[in-house]
Amino acid sequence: MENIPSDPMMLLSFLNMKLRDFYSNLDELCNALDLDKEEIVKKMAEVGFEYNESQNKFW
């Protein structure tokens, strides 16, 4: 995961921007960027954010 921000708040912004502008869901984003979905979800949960599938964003 070295090609994405390591800071949790920067990562939140990065993920939500990508989800909003380029990808219809988290699976698509993870596949396109070669990211481990479980690792992303866990990292975001550690700082209090979860993925909302119906809104296609972390909050």
Protein backbone atom coordinates (compact mmCIF):
# COMPACT_ATOMS: atom_id res chain seq x y z
CA MET A 1 0.00 0.00 0.00
CA GLU A 2 2.90 2.32 -0.61
CA ASN A 3 1.16 4.16 -3.45
CA ILE A 4 -1.52 5.67 -1.20
CA PRO A 5 -1.33 8.18 1.69
CA SER A 6 -0.30 6.72 5.05
CA ASP A 7 -1.88 9.50 7.14
CA PRO A 8 -5.45 8.38 8.01
CA MET A 9 -7.09 11.74 7.23
CA MET A 10 -5.24 12.05 3.92
CA LEU A 11 -6.19 8.46 3.13
CA LEU A 12 -9.85 9.23 3.89
CA SER A 13 -9.77 12.19 1.52
CA PHE A 14 -7.91 10.20 -1.15
CA LEU A 15 -10.30 7.23 -1.01
CA ASN A 16 -13.45 9.33 -1.03
CA MET A 17 -12.20 11.45 -3.93
CA LYS A 18 -11.36 8.34 -5.96
CA LEU A 19 -14.69 6.72 -5.09
CA ARG A 20 -16.60 9.89 -5.99
CA ASP A 21 -14.77 10.66 -9.24
CA PHE A 22 -13.62 7.33 -10.67
CA TYR A 23 -15.01 4.17 -9.07
CA SER A 24 -18.55 2.94 -8.48
CA ASN A 25 -17.61 0.91 -5.40
CA LEU A 26 -14.75 -0.03 -3.08
CA ASP A 27 -14.12 -3.36 -4.81
CA GLU A 28 -13.57 -1.62 -8.14
CA LEU A 29 -11.18 0.90 -6.56
CA CYS A 30 -9.17 -1.81 -4.80
CA ASN A 31 -8.93 -3.92 -7.95
CA ALA A 32 -7.84 -0.97 -10.09
CA LEU A 33 -5.22 0.26 -7.61
CA ASP A 34 -4.11 -3.22 -6.51
CA LEU A 35 -5.10 -2.62 -2.87
CA ASP A 36 -6.17 -5.11 -0.23
CA LYS A 37 -9.80 -4.24 0.57
CA GLU A 38 -9.71 -5.83 4.01
CA GLU A 39 -6.58 -3.89 4.90
CA ILE A 40 -8.15 -0.60 3.75
CA VAL A 41 -11.37 -1.24 5.68
CA LYS A 42 -9.39 -2.20 8.79
CA LYS A 43 -7.10 0.83 8.58
CA MET A 44 -10.06 3.18 8.22
CA ALA A 45 -11.97 1.46 11.05
CA GLU A 46 -8.99 1.99 13.36
CA VAL A 47 -9.59 5.74 13.10
CA GLY A 48 -13.39 5.54 13.28
CA PHE A 49 -14.49 5.43 9.63
CA GLU A 50 -16.48 2.77 7.84
CA TYR A 51 -17.41 2.26 4.22
CA ASN A 52 -21.01 3.00 3.31
CA GLU A 53 -21.83 1.02 0.20
CA SER A 54 -25.06 2.85 -0.63
CA GLN A 55 -23.28 6.23 -0.54
CA ASN A 56 -19.99 4.85 -1.90
CA LYS A 57 -17.83 6.63 0.65
CA PHE A 58 -16.10 6.28 3.98
CA TRP A 59 -17.59 8.20 6.89
